[in-house]
Structures are given as structure tokens and as C-alpha cells.
Amino acid sequence: LDQIIEFGNKIGLSYIICAFPGFK
């Protein structure tokens, strides 16, 4: 998540979307 947020900010994303959930 931290790397994804950093990358997203660098390319100017407005949204980060989960496209497949996880399991408890």
C-alpha cells in the first residue's frame, strides 16, 4: 500500500481501486 500510494501520487492518480477483495 505505501509503495502504491507513493507511485499513485507521482503519476497524479485521483483514485486507487481494489478490484478483487481479500479473505479473513
PDBML (XML) file of the C-alpha atoms, coordinates in Angstrom:
<?xml version="1.0" encoding="UTF-8" ?>
<PDBx:datablock datablockName="MODEL"
   xmlns:PDBx="http://pdbml.pdb.org/schema/pdbx-v50.xsd"
   xmlns:xsi="http://www.w3.org/2001/XMLSchema-instance"
   xsi:schemaLocation="http://pdbml.pdb.org/schema/pdbx-v50.xsd pdbx-v50.xsd">
   <PDBx:atom_siteCategory>
      <PDBx:atom_site id="1">
         <PDBx:B_iso_or_equiv>0.00</PDBx:B_iso_or_equiv>
         <PDBx:Cartn_x>0.000</PDBx:Cartn_x>
         <PDBx:Cartn_y>0.000</PDBx:Cartn_y>
         <PDBx:Cartn_z>0.000</PDBx:Cartn_z>
         <PDBx:auth_asym_id>A</PDBx:auth_asym_id>
         <PDBx:auth_atom_id>CA</PDBx:auth_atom_id>
         <PDBx:auth_comp_id>LEU</PDBx:auth_comp_id>
         <PDBx:auth_seq_id>1</PDBx:auth_seq_id>
         <PDBx:group_PDB>ATOM</PDBx:group_PDB>
         <PDBx:label_alt_id xsi:nil="true" />
         <PDBx:label_asym_id>A</PDBx:label_asym_id>
         <PDBx:label_atom_id>CA</PDBx:label_atom_id>
         <PDBx:label_comp_id>LEU</PDBx:label_comp_id>
         <PDBx:label_entity_id>1</PDBx:label_entity_id>
         <PDBx:label_seq_id>1</PDBx:label_seq_id>
         <PDBx:occupancy>1.00</PDBx:occupancy>
         <PDBx:pdbx_PDB_model_num>1</PDBx:pdbx_PDB_model_num>
         <PDBx:type_symbol>C</PDBx:type_symbol>
      </PDBx:atom_site>
      <PDBx:atom_site id="2">
         <PDBx:B_iso_or_equiv>0.00</PDBx:B_iso_or_equiv>
         <PDBx:Cartn_x>2.708</PDBx:Cartn_x>
         <PDBx:Cartn_y>2.543</PDBx:Cartn_y>
         <PDBx:Cartn_z>0.872</PDBx:Cartn_z>
         <PDBx:auth_asym_id>A</PDBx:auth_asym_id>
         <PDBx:auth_atom_id>CA</PDBx:auth_atom_id>
         <PDBx:auth_comp_id>ASP</PDBx:auth_comp_id>
         <PDBx:auth_seq_id>2</PDBx:auth_seq_id>
         <PDBx:group_PDB>ATOM</PDBx:group_PDB>
         <PDBx:label_alt_id xsi:nil="true" />
         <PDBx:label_asym_id>A</PDBx:label_asym_id>
         <PDBx:label_atom_id>CA</PDBx:label_atom_id>
         <PDBx:label_comp_id>ASP</PDBx:label_comp_id>
         <PDBx:label_entity_id>1</PDBx:label_entity_id>
         <PDBx:label_seq_id>2</PDBx:label_seq_id>
         <PDBx:occupancy>1.00</PDBx:occupancy>
         <PDBx:pdbx_PDB_model_num>1</PDBx:pdbx_PDB_model_num>
         <PDBx:type_symbol>C</PDBx:type_symbol>
      </PDBx:atom_site>
      <PDBx:atom_site id="3">
         <PDBx:B_iso_or_equiv>0.00</PDBx:B_iso_or_equiv>
         <PDBx:Cartn_x>4.504</PDBx:Cartn_x>
         <PDBx:Cartn_y>1.993</PDBx:Cartn_y>
         <PDBx:Cartn_z>-2.448</PDBx:Cartn_z>
         <PDBx:auth_asym_id>A</PDBx:auth_asym_id>
         <PDBx:auth_atom_id>CA</PDBx:auth_atom_id>
         <PDBx:auth_comp_id>GLN</PDBx:auth_comp_id>
         <PDBx:auth_seq_id>3</PDBx:auth_seq_id>
         <PDBx:group_PDB>ATOM</PDBx:group_PDB>
         <PDBx:label_alt_id xsi:nil="true" />
         <PDBx:label_asym_id>A</PDBx:label_asym_id>
         <PDBx:label_atom_id>CA</PDBx:label_atom_id>
         <PDBx:label_comp_id>GLN</PDBx:label_comp_id>
         <PDBx:label_entity_id>1</PDBx:label_entity_id>
         <PDBx:label_seq_id>3</PDBx:label_seq_id>
         <PDBx:occupancy>1.00</PDBx:occupancy>
         <PDBx:pdbx_PDB_model_num>1</PDBx:pdbx_PDB_model_num>
         <PDBx:type_symbol>C</PDBx:type_symbol>
      </PDBx:atom_site>
      <PDBx:atom_site id="4">
         <PDBx:B_iso_or_equiv>0.00</PDBx:B_iso_or_equiv>
         <PDBx:Cartn_x>1.208</PDBx:Cartn_x>
         <PDBx:Cartn_y>2.107</PDBx:Cartn_y>
         <PDBx:Cartn_z>-4.358</PDBx:Cartn_z>
         <PDBx:auth_asym_id>A</PDBx:auth_asym_id>
         <PDBx:auth_atom_id>CA</PDBx:auth_atom_id>
         <PDBx:auth_comp_id>ILE</PDBx:auth_comp_id>
         <PDBx:auth_seq_id>4</PDBx:auth_seq_id>
         <PDBx:group_PDB>ATOM</PDBx:group_PDB>
         <PDBx:label_alt_id xsi:nil="true" />
         <PDBx:label_asym_id>A</PDBx:label_asym_id>
         <PDBx:label_atom_id>CA</PDBx:label_atom_id>
         <PDBx:label_comp_id>ILE</PDBx:label_comp_id>
         <PDBx:label_entity_id>1</PDBx:label_entity_id>
         <PDBx:label_seq_id>4</PDBx:label_seq_id>
         <PDBx:occupancy>1.00</PDBx:occupancy>
         <PDBx:pdbx_PDB_model_num>1</PDBx:pdbx_PDB_model_num>
         <PDBx:type_symbol>C</PDBx:type_symbol>
      </PDBx:atom_site>
      <PDBx:atom_site id="5">
         <PDBx:B_iso_or_equiv>0.00</PDBx:B_iso_or_equiv>
         <PDBx:Cartn_x>0.260</PDBx:Cartn_x>
         <PDBx:Cartn_y>5.410</PDBx:Cartn_y>
         <PDBx:Cartn_z>-2.713</PDBx:Cartn_z>
         <PDBx:auth_asym_id>A</PDBx:auth_asym_id>
         <PDBx:auth_atom_id>CA</PDBx:auth_atom_id>
         <PDBx:auth_comp_id>ILE</PDBx:auth_comp_id>
         <PDBx:auth_seq_id>5</PDBx:auth_seq_id>
         <PDBx:group_PDB>ATOM</PDBx:group_PDB>
         <PDBx:label_alt_id xsi:nil="true" />
         <PDBx:label_asym_id>A</PDBx:label_asym_id>
         <PDBx:label_atom_id>CA</PDBx:label_atom_id>
         <PDBx:label_comp_id>ILE</PDBx:label_comp_id>
         <PDBx:label_entity_id>1</PDBx:label_entity_id>
         <PDBx:label_seq_id>5</PDBx:label_seq_id>
         <PDBx:occupancy>1.00</PDBx:occupancy>
         <PDBx:pdbx_PDB_model_num>1</PDBx:pdbx_PDB_model_num>
         <PDBx:type_symbol>C</PDBx:type_symbol>
      </PDBx:atom_site>
      <PDBx:atom_site id="6">
         <PDBx:B_iso_or_equiv>0.00</PDBx:B_iso_or_equiv>
         <PDBx:Cartn_x>3.687</PDBx:Cartn_x>
         <PDBx:Cartn_y>6.863</PDBx:Cartn_y>
         <PDBx:Cartn_z>-3.487</PDBx:Cartn_z>
         <PDBx:auth_asym_id>A</PDBx:auth_asym_id>
         <PDBx:auth_atom_id>CA</PDBx:auth_atom_id>
         <PDBx:auth_comp_id>GLU</PDBx:auth_comp_id>
         <PDBx:auth_seq_id>6</PDBx:auth_seq_id>
         <PDBx:group_PDB>ATOM</PDBx:group_PDB>
         <PDBx:label_alt_id xsi:nil="true" />
         <PDBx:label_asym_id>A</PDBx:label_asym_id>
         <PDBx:label_atom_id>CA</PDBx:label_atom_id>
         <PDBx:label_comp_id>GLU</PDBx:label_comp_id>
         <PDBx:label_entity_id>1</PDBx:label_entity_id>
         <PDBx:label_seq_id>6</PDBx:label_seq_id>
         <PDBx:occupancy>1.00</PDBx:occupancy>
         <PDBx:pdbx_PDB_model_num>1</PDBx:pdbx_PDB_model_num>
         <PDBx:type_symbol>C</PDBx:type_symbol>
      </PDBx:atom_site>
      <PDBx:atom_site id="7">
         <PDBx:B_iso_or_equiv>0.00</PDBx:B_iso_or_equiv>
         <PDBx:Cartn_x>3.513</PDBx:Cartn_x>
         <PDBx:Cartn_y>5.717</PDBx:Cartn_y>
         <PDBx:Cartn_z>-7.120</PDBx:Cartn_z>
         <PDBx:auth_asym_id>A</PDBx:auth_asym_id>
         <PDBx:auth_atom_id>CA</PDBx:auth_atom_id>
         <PDBx:auth_comp_id>PHE</PDBx:auth_comp_id>
         <PDBx:auth_seq_id>7</PDBx:auth_seq_id>
         <PDBx:group_PDB>ATOM</PDBx:group_PDB>
         <PDBx:label_alt_id xsi:nil="true" />
         <PDBx:label_asym_id>A</PDBx:label_asym_id>
         <PDBx:label_atom_id>CA</PDBx:label_atom_id>
         <PDBx:label_comp_id>PHE</PDBx:label_comp_id>
         <PDBx:label_entity_id>1</PDBx:label_entity_id>
         <PDBx:label_seq_id>7</PDBx:label_seq_id>
         <PDBx:occupancy>1.00</PDBx:occupancy>
         <PDBx:pdbx_PDB_model_num>1</PDBx:pdbx_PDB_model_num>
         <PDBx:type_symbol>C</PDBx:type_symbol>
      </PDBx:atom_site>
      <PDBx:atom_site id="8">
         <PDBx:B_iso_or_equiv>0.00</PDBx:B_iso_or_equiv>
         <PDBx:Cartn_x>-0.063</PDBx:Cartn_x>
         <PDBx:Cartn_y>6.986</PDBx:Cartn_y>
         <PDBx:Cartn_z>-7.442</PDBx:Cartn_z>
         <PDBx:auth_asym_id>A</PDBx:auth_asym_id>
         <PDBx:auth_atom_id>CA</PDBx:auth_atom_id>
         <PDBx:auth_comp_id>GLY</PDBx:auth_comp_id>
         <PDBx:auth_seq_id>8</PDBx:auth_seq_id>
         <PDBx:group_PDB>ATOM</PDBx:group_PDB>
         <PDBx:label_alt_id xsi:nil="true" />
         <PDBx:label_asym_id>A</PDBx:label_asym_id>
         <PDBx:label_atom_id>CA</PDBx:label_atom_id>
         <PDBx:label_comp_id>GLY</PDBx:label_comp_id>
         <PDBx:label_entity_id>1</PDBx:label_entity_id>
         <PDBx:label_seq_id>8</PDBx:label_seq_id>
         <PDBx:occupancy>1.00</PDBx:occupancy>
         <PDBx:pdbx_PDB_model_num>1</PDBx:pdbx_PDB_model_num>
         <PDBx:type_symbol>C</PDBx:type_symbol>
      </PDBx:atom_site>
      <PDBx:atom_site id="9">
         <PDBx:B_iso_or_equiv>0.00</PDBx:B_iso_or_equiv>
         <PDBx:Cartn_x>0.915</PDBx:Cartn_x>
         <PDBx:Cartn_y>10.444</PDBx:Cartn_y>
         <PDBx:Cartn_z>-6.269</PDBx:Cartn_z>
         <PDBx:auth_asym_id>A</PDBx:auth_asym_id>
         <PDBx:auth_atom_id>CA</PDBx:auth_atom_id>
         <PDBx:auth_comp_id>ASN</PDBx:auth_comp_id>
         <PDBx:auth_seq_id>9</PDBx:auth_seq_id>
         <PDBx:group_PDB>ATOM</PDBx:group_PDB>
         <PDBx:label_alt_id xsi:nil="true" />
         <PDBx:label_asym_id>A</PDBx:label_asym_id>
         <PDBx:label_atom_id>CA</PDBx:label_atom_id>
         <PDBx:label_comp_id>ASN</PDBx:label_comp_id>
         <PDBx:label_entity_id>1</PDBx:label_entity_id>
         <PDBx:label_seq_id>9</PDBx:label_seq_id>
         <PDBx:occupancy>1.00</PDBx:occupancy>
         <PDBx:pdbx_PDB_model_num>1</PDBx:pdbx_PDB_model_num>
         <PDBx:type_symbol>C</PDBx:type_symbol>
      </PDBx:atom_site>
      <PDBx:atom_site id="10">
         <PDBx:B_iso_or_equiv>0.00</PDBx:B_iso_or_equiv>
         <PDBx:Cartn_x>3.833</PDBx:Cartn_x>
         <PDBx:Cartn_y>10.544</PDBx:Cartn_y>
         <PDBx:Cartn_z>-8.688</PDBx:Cartn_z>
         <PDBx:auth_asym_id>A</PDBx:auth_asym_id>
         <PDBx:auth_atom_id>CA</PDBx:auth_atom_id>
         <PDBx:auth_comp_id>LYS</PDBx:auth_comp_id>
         <PDBx:auth_seq_id>10</PDBx:auth_seq_id>
         <PDBx:group_PDB>ATOM</PDBx:group_PDB>
         <PDBx:label_alt_id xsi:nil="true" />
         <PDBx:label_asym_id>A</PDBx:label_asym_id>
         <PDBx:label_atom_id>CA</PDBx:label_atom_id>
         <PDBx:label_comp_id>LYS</PDBx:label_comp_id>
         <PDBx:label_entity_id>1</PDBx:label_entity_id>
         <PDBx:label_seq_id>10</PDBx:label_seq_id>
         <PDBx:occupancy>1.00</PDBx:occupancy>
         <PDBx:pdbx_PDB_model_num>1</PDBx:pdbx_PDB_model_num>
         <PDBx:type_symbol>C</PDBx:type_symbol>
      </PDBx:atom_site>
      <PDBx:atom_site id="11">
         <PDBx:B_iso_or_equiv>0.00</PDBx:B_iso_or_equiv>
         <PDBx:Cartn_x>1.589</PDBx:Cartn_x>
         <PDBx:Cartn_y>9.869</PDBx:Cartn_y>
         <PDBx:Cartn_z>-11.685</PDBx:Cartn_z>
         <PDBx:auth_asym_id>A</PDBx:auth_asym_id>
         <PDBx:auth_atom_id>CA</PDBx:auth_atom_id>
         <PDBx:auth_comp_id>ILE</PDBx:auth_comp_id>
         <PDBx:auth_seq_id>11</PDBx:auth_seq_id>
         <PDBx:group_PDB>ATOM</PDBx:group_PDB>
         <PDBx:label_alt_id xsi:nil="true" />
         <PDBx:label_asym_id>A</PDBx:label_asym_id>
         <PDBx:label_atom_id>CA</PDBx:label_atom_id>
         <PDBx:label_comp_id>ILE</PDBx:label_comp_id>
         <PDBx:label_entity_id>1</PDBx:label_entity_id>
         <PDBx:label_seq_id>11</PDBx:label_seq_id>
         <PDBx:occupancy>1.00</PDBx:occupancy>
         <PDBx:pdbx_PDB_model_num>1</PDBx:pdbx_PDB_model_num>
         <PDBx:type_symbol>C</PDBx:type_symbol>
      </PDBx:atom_site>
      <PDBx:atom_site id="12">
         <PDBx:B_iso_or_equiv>0.00</PDBx:B_iso_or_equiv>
         <PDBx:Cartn_x>-1.253</PDBx:Cartn_x>
         <PDBx:Cartn_y>12.067</PDBx:Cartn_y>
         <PDBx:Cartn_z>-10.486</PDBx:Cartn_z>
         <PDBx:auth_asym_id>A</PDBx:auth_asym_id>
         <PDBx:auth_atom_id>CA</PDBx:auth_atom_id>
         <PDBx:auth_comp_id>GLY</PDBx:auth_comp_id>
         <PDBx:auth_seq_id>12</PDBx:auth_seq_id>
         <PDBx:group_PDB>ATOM</PDBx:group_PDB>
         <PDBx:label_alt_id xsi:nil="true" />
         <PDBx:label_asym_id>A</PDBx:label_asym_id>
         <PDBx:label_atom_id>CA</PDBx:label_atom_id>
         <PDBx:label_comp_id>GLY</PDBx:label_comp_id>
         <PDBx:label_entity_id>1</PDBx:label_entity_id>
         <PDBx:label_seq_id>12</PDBx:label_seq_id>
         <PDBx:occupancy>1.00</PDBx:occupancy>
         <PDBx:pdbx_PDB_model_num>1</PDBx:pdbx_PDB_model_num>
         <PDBx:type_symbol>C</PDBx:type_symbol>
      </PDBx:atom_site>
      <PDBx:atom_site id="13">
         <PDBx:B_iso_or_equiv>0.00</PDBx:B_iso_or_equiv>
         <PDBx:Cartn_x>-3.876</PDBx:Cartn_x>
         <PDBx:Cartn_y>9.444</PDBx:Cartn_y>
         <PDBx:Cartn_z>-9.673</PDBx:Cartn_z>
         <PDBx:auth_asym_id>A</PDBx:auth_asym_id>
         <PDBx:auth_atom_id>CA</PDBx:auth_atom_id>
         <PDBx:auth_comp_id>LEU</PDBx:auth_comp_id>
         <PDBx:auth_seq_id>13</PDBx:auth_seq_id>
         <PDBx:group_PDB>ATOM</PDBx:group_PDB>
         <PDBx:label_alt_id xsi:nil="true" />
         <PDBx:label_asym_id>A</PDBx:label_asym_id>
         <PDBx:label_atom_id>CA</PDBx:label_atom_id>
         <PDBx:label_comp_id>LEU</PDBx:label_comp_id>
         <PDBx:label_entity_id>1</PDBx:label_entity_id>
         <PDBx:label_seq_id>13</PDBx:label_seq_id>
         <PDBx:occupancy>1.00</PDBx:occupancy>
         <PDBx:pdbx_PDB_model_num>1</PDBx:pdbx_PDB_model_num>
         <PDBx:type_symbol>C</PDBx:type_symbol>
      </PDBx:atom_site>
      <PDBx:atom_site id="14">
         <PDBx:B_iso_or_equiv>0.00</PDBx:B_iso_or_equiv>
         <PDBx:Cartn_x>-7.142</PDBx:Cartn_x>
         <PDBx:Cartn_y>10.554</PDBx:Cartn_y>
         <PDBx:Cartn_z>-8.116</PDBx:Cartn_z>
         <PDBx:auth_asym_id>A</PDBx:auth_asym_id>
         <PDBx:auth_atom_id>CA</PDBx:auth_atom_id>
         <PDBx:auth_comp_id>SER</PDBx:auth_comp_id>
         <PDBx:auth_seq_id>14</PDBx:auth_seq_id>
         <PDBx:group_PDB>ATOM</PDBx:group_PDB>
         <PDBx:label_alt_id xsi:nil="true" />
         <PDBx:label_asym_id>A</PDBx:label_asym_id>
         <PDBx:label_atom_id>CA</PDBx:label_atom_id>
         <PDBx:label_comp_id>SER</PDBx:label_comp_id>
         <PDBx:label_entity_id>1</PDBx:label_entity_id>
         <PDBx:label_seq_id>14</PDBx:label_seq_id>
         <PDBx:occupancy>1.00</PDBx:occupancy>
         <PDBx:pdbx_PDB_model_num>1</PDBx:pdbx_PDB_model_num>
         <PDBx:type_symbol>C</PDBx:type_symbol>
      </PDBx:atom_site>
      <PDBx:atom_site id="15">
         <PDBx:B_iso_or_equiv>0.00</PDBx:B_iso_or_equiv>
         <PDBx:Cartn_x>-8.290</PDBx:Cartn_x>
         <PDBx:Cartn_y>7.032</PDBx:Cartn_y>
         <PDBx:Cartn_z>-7.215</PDBx:Cartn_z>
         <PDBx:auth_asym_id>A</PDBx:auth_asym_id>
         <PDBx:auth_atom_id>CA</PDBx:auth_atom_id>
         <PDBx:auth_comp_id>TYR</PDBx:auth_comp_id>
         <PDBx:auth_seq_id>15</PDBx:auth_seq_id>
         <PDBx:group_PDB>ATOM</PDBx:group_PDB>
         <PDBx:label_alt_id xsi:nil="true" />
         <PDBx:label_asym_id>A</PDBx:label_asym_id>
         <PDBx:label_atom_id>CA</PDBx:label_atom_id>
         <PDBx:label_comp_id>TYR</PDBx:label_comp_id>
         <PDBx:label_entity_id>1</PDBx:label_entity_id>
         <PDBx:label_seq_id>15</PDBx:label_seq_id>
         <PDBx:occupancy>1.00</PDBx:occupancy>
         <PDBx:pdbx_PDB_model_num>1</PDBx:pdbx_PDB_model_num>
         <PDBx:type_symbol>C</PDBx:type_symbol>
      </PDBx:atom_site>
      <PDBx:atom_site id="16">
         <PDBx:B_iso_or_equiv>0.00</PDBx:B_iso_or_equiv>
         <PDBx:Cartn_x>-6.795</PDBx:Cartn_x>
         <PDBx:Cartn_y>3.760</PDBx:Cartn_y>
         <PDBx:Cartn_z>-6.012</PDBx:Cartn_z>
         <PDBx:auth_asym_id>A</PDBx:auth_asym_id>
         <PDBx:auth_atom_id>CA</PDBx:auth_atom_id>
         <PDBx:auth_comp_id>ILE</PDBx:auth_comp_id>
         <PDBx:auth_seq_id>16</PDBx:auth_seq_id>
         <PDBx:group_PDB>ATOM</PDBx:group_PDB>
         <PDBx:label_alt_id xsi:nil="true" />
         <PDBx:label_asym_id>A</PDBx:label_asym_id>
         <PDBx:label_atom_id>CA</PDBx:label_atom_id>
         <PDBx:label_comp_id>ILE</PDBx:label_comp_id>
         <PDBx:label_entity_id>1</PDBx:label_entity_id>
         <PDBx:label_seq_id>16</PDBx:label_seq_id>
         <PDBx:occupancy>1.00</PDBx:occupancy>
         <PDBx:pdbx_PDB_model_num>1</PDBx:pdbx_PDB_model_num>
         <PDBx:type_symbol>C</PDBx:type_symbol>
      </PDBx:atom_site>
      <PDBx:atom_site id="17">
         <PDBx:B_iso_or_equiv>0.00</PDBx:B_iso_or_equiv>
         <PDBx:Cartn_x>-9.288</PDBx:Cartn_x>
         <PDBx:Cartn_y>0.953</PDBx:Cartn_y>
         <PDBx:Cartn_z>-6.553</PDBx:Cartn_z>
         <PDBx:auth_asym_id>A</PDBx:auth_asym_id>
         <PDBx:auth_atom_id>CA</PDBx:auth_atom_id>
         <PDBx:auth_comp_id>ILE</PDBx:auth_comp_id>
         <PDBx:auth_seq_id>17</PDBx:auth_seq_id>
         <PDBx:group_PDB>ATOM</PDBx:group_PDB>
         <PDBx:label_alt_id xsi:nil="true" />
         <PDBx:label_asym_id>A</PDBx:label_asym_id>
         <PDBx:label_atom_id>CA</PDBx:label_atom_id>
         <PDBx:label_comp_id>ILE</PDBx:label_comp_id>
         <PDBx:label_entity_id>1</PDBx:label_entity_id>
         <PDBx:label_seq_id>17</PDBx:label_seq_id>
         <PDBx:occupancy>1.00</PDBx:occupancy>
         <PDBx:pdbx_PDB_model_num>1</PDBx:pdbx_PDB_model_num>
         <PDBx:type_symbol>C</PDBx:type_symbol>
      </PDBx:atom_site>
      <PDBx:atom_site id="18">
         <PDBx:B_iso_or_equiv>0.00</PDBx:B_iso_or_equiv>
         <PDBx:Cartn_x>-9.433</PDBx:Cartn_x>
         <PDBx:Cartn_y>-2.547</PDBx:Cartn_y>
         <PDBx:Cartn_z>-5.090</PDBx:Cartn_z>
         <PDBx:auth_asym_id>A</PDBx:auth_asym_id>
         <PDBx:auth_atom_id>CA</PDBx:auth_atom_id>
         <PDBx:auth_comp_id>CYS</PDBx:auth_comp_id>
         <PDBx:auth_seq_id>18</PDBx:auth_seq_id>
         <PDBx:group_PDB>ATOM</PDBx:group_PDB>
         <PDBx:label_alt_id xsi:nil="true" />
         <PDBx:label_asym_id>A</PDBx:label_asym_id>
         <PDBx:label_atom_id>CA</PDBx:label_atom_id>
         <PDBx:label_comp_id>CYS</PDBx:label_comp_id>
         <PDBx:label_entity_id>1</PDBx:label_entity_id>
         <PDBx:label_seq_id>18</PDBx:label_seq_id>
         <PDBx:occupancy>1.00</PDBx:occupancy>
         <PDBx:pdbx_PDB_model_num>1</PDBx:pdbx_PDB_model_num>
         <PDBx:type_symbol>C</PDBx:type_symbol>
      </PDBx:atom_site>
      <PDBx:atom_site id="19">
         <PDBx:B_iso_or_equiv>0.00</PDBx:B_iso_or_equiv>
         <PDBx:Cartn_x>-10.595</PDBx:Cartn_x>
         <PDBx:Cartn_y>-4.782</PDBx:Cartn_y>
         <PDBx:Cartn_z>-7.920</PDBx:Cartn_z>
         <PDBx:auth_asym_id>A</PDBx:auth_asym_id>
         <PDBx:auth_atom_id>CA</PDBx:auth_atom_id>
         <PDBx:auth_comp_id>ALA</PDBx:auth_comp_id>
         <PDBx:auth_seq_id>19</PDBx:auth_seq_id>
         <PDBx:group_PDB>ATOM</PDBx:group_PDB>
         <PDBx:label_alt_id xsi:nil="true" />
         <PDBx:label_asym_id>A</PDBx:label_asym_id>
         <PDBx:label_atom_id>CA</PDBx:label_atom_id>
         <PDBx:label_comp_id>ALA</PDBx:label_comp_id>
         <PDBx:label_entity_id>1</PDBx:label_entity_id>
         <PDBx:label_seq_id>19</PDBx:label_seq_id>
         <PDBx:occupancy>1.00</PDBx:occupancy>
         <PDBx:pdbx_PDB_model_num>1</PDBx:pdbx_PDB_model_num>
         <PDBx:type_symbol>C</PDBx:type_symbol>
      </PDBx:atom_site>
      <PDBx:atom_site id="20">
         <PDBx:B_iso_or_equiv>0.00</PDBx:B_iso_or_equiv>
         <PDBx:Cartn_x>-10.552</PDBx:Cartn_x>
         <PDBx:Cartn_y>-8.110</PDBx:Cartn_y>
         <PDBx:Cartn_z>-6.071</PDBx:Cartn_z>
         <PDBx:auth_asym_id>A</PDBx:auth_asym_id>
         <PDBx:auth_atom_id>CA</PDBx:auth_atom_id>
         <PDBx:auth_comp_id>PHE</PDBx:auth_comp_id>
         <PDBx:auth_seq_id>20</PDBx:auth_seq_id>
         <PDBx:group_PDB>ATOM</PDBx:group_PDB>
         <PDBx:label_alt_id xsi:nil="true" />
         <PDBx:label_asym_id>A</PDBx:label_asym_id>
         <PDBx:label_atom_id>CA</PDBx:label_atom_id>
         <PDBx:label_comp_id>PHE</PDBx:label_comp_id>
         <PDBx:label_entity_id>1</PDBx:label_entity_id>
         <PDBx:label_seq_id>20</PDBx:label_seq_id>
         <PDBx:occupancy>1.00</PDBx:occupancy>
         <PDBx:pdbx_PDB_model_num>1</PDBx:pdbx_PDB_model_num>
         <PDBx:type_symbol>C</PDBx:type_symbol>
      </PDBx:atom_site>
      <PDBx:atom_site id="21">
         <PDBx:B_iso_or_equiv>0.00</PDBx:B_iso_or_equiv>
         <PDBx:Cartn_x>-11.019</PDBx:Cartn_x>
         <PDBx:Cartn_y>-8.435</PDBx:Cartn_y>
         <PDBx:Cartn_z>-2.292</PDBx:Cartn_z>
         <PDBx:auth_asym_id>A</PDBx:auth_asym_id>
         <PDBx:auth_atom_id>CA</PDBx:auth_atom_id>
         <PDBx:auth_comp_id>PRO</PDBx:auth_comp_id>
         <PDBx:auth_seq_id>21</PDBx:auth_seq_id>
         <PDBx:group_PDB>ATOM</PDBx:group_PDB>
         <PDBx:label_alt_id xsi:nil="true" />
         <PDBx:label_asym_id>A</PDBx:label_asym_id>
         <PDBx:label_atom_id>CA</PDBx:label_atom_id>
         <PDBx:label_comp_id>PRO</PDBx:label_comp_id>
         <PDBx:label_entity_id>1</PDBx:label_entity_id>
         <PDBx:label_seq_id>21</PDBx:label_seq_id>
         <PDBx:occupancy>1.00</PDBx:occupancy>
         <PDBx:pdbx_PDB_model_num>1</PDBx:pdbx_PDB_model_num>
         <PDBx:type_symbol>C</PDBx:type_symbol>
      </PDBx:atom_site>
      <PDBx:atom_site id="22">
         <PDBx:B_iso_or_equiv>0.00</PDBx:B_iso_or_equiv>
         <PDBx:Cartn_x>-9.167</PDBx:Cartn_x>
         <PDBx:Cartn_y>-10.489</PDBx:Cartn_y>
         <PDBx:Cartn_z>0.272</PDBx:Cartn_z>
         <PDBx:auth_asym_id>A</PDBx:auth_asym_id>
         <PDBx:auth_atom_id>CA</PDBx:auth_atom_id>
         <PDBx:auth_comp_id>GLY</PDBx:auth_comp_id>
         <PDBx:auth_seq_id>22</PDBx:auth_seq_id>
         <PDBx:group_PDB>ATOM</PDBx:group_PDB>
         <PDBx:label_alt_id xsi:nil="true" />
         <PDBx:label_asym_id>A</PDBx:label_asym_id>
         <PDBx:label_atom_id>CA</PDBx:label_atom_id>
         <PDBx:label_comp_id>GLY</PDBx:label_comp_id>
         <PDBx:label_entity_id>1</PDBx:label_entity_id>
         <PDBx:label_seq_id>22</PDBx:label_seq_id>
         <PDBx:occupancy>1.00</PDBx:occupancy>
         <PDBx:pdbx_PDB_model_num>1</PDBx:pdbx_PDB_model_num>
         <PDBx:type_symbol>C</PDBx:type_symbol>
      </PDBx:atom_site>
      <PDBx:atom_site id="23">
         <PDBx:B_iso_or_equiv>0.00</PDBx:B_iso_or_equiv>
         <PDBx:Cartn_x>-10.011</PDBx:Cartn_x>
         <PDBx:Cartn_y>-13.250</PDBx:Cartn_y>
         <PDBx:Cartn_z>2.745</PDBx:Cartn_z>
         <PDBx:auth_asym_id>A</PDBx:auth_asym_id>
         <PDBx:auth_atom_id>CA</PDBx:auth_atom_id>
         <PDBx:auth_comp_id>PHE</PDBx:auth_comp_id>
         <PDBx:auth_seq_id>23</PDBx:auth_seq_id>
         <PDBx:group_PDB>ATOM</PDBx:group_PDB>
         <PDBx:label_alt_id xsi:nil="true" />
         <PDBx:label_asym_id>A</PDBx:label_asym_id>
         <PDBx:label_atom_id>CA</PDBx:label_atom_id>
         <PDBx:label_comp_id>PHE</PDBx:label_comp_id>
         <PDBx:label_entity_id>1</PDBx:label_entity_id>
         <PDBx:label_seq_id>23</PDBx:label_seq_id>
         <PDBx:occupancy>1.00</PDBx:occupancy>
         <PDBx:pdbx_PDB_model_num>1</PDBx:pdbx_PDB_model_num>
         <PDBx:type_symbol>C</PDBx:type_symbol>
      </PDBx:atom_site>
      <PDBx:atom_site id="24">
         <PDBx:B_iso_or_equiv>0.00</PDBx:B_iso_or_equiv>
         <PDBx:Cartn_x>-10.134</PDBx:Cartn_x>
         <PDBx:Cartn_y>-13.012</PDBx:Cartn_y>
         <PDBx:Cartn_z>6.509</PDBx:Cartn_z>
         <PDBx:auth_asym_id>A</PDBx:auth_asym_id>
         <PDBx:auth_atom_id>CA</PDBx:auth_atom_id>
         <PDBx:auth_comp_id>LYS</PDBx:auth_comp_id>
         <PDBx:auth_seq_id>24</PDBx:auth_seq_id>
         <PDBx:group_PDB>ATOM</PDBx:group_PDB>
         <PDBx:label_alt_id xsi:nil="true" />
         <PDBx:label_asym_id>A</PDBx:label_asym_id>
         <PDBx:label_atom_id>CA</PDBx:label_atom_id>
         <PDBx:label_comp_id>LYS</PDBx:label_comp_id>
         <PDBx:label_entity_id>1</PDBx:label_entity_id>
         <PDBx:label_seq_id>24</PDBx:label_seq_id>
         <PDBx:occupancy>1.00</PDBx:occupancy>
         <PDBx:pdbx_PDB_model_num>1</PDBx:pdbx_PDB_model_num>
         <PDBx:type_symbol>C</PDBx:type_symbol>
      </PDBx:atom_site>
   </PDBx:atom_siteCategory>
</PDBx:datablock>
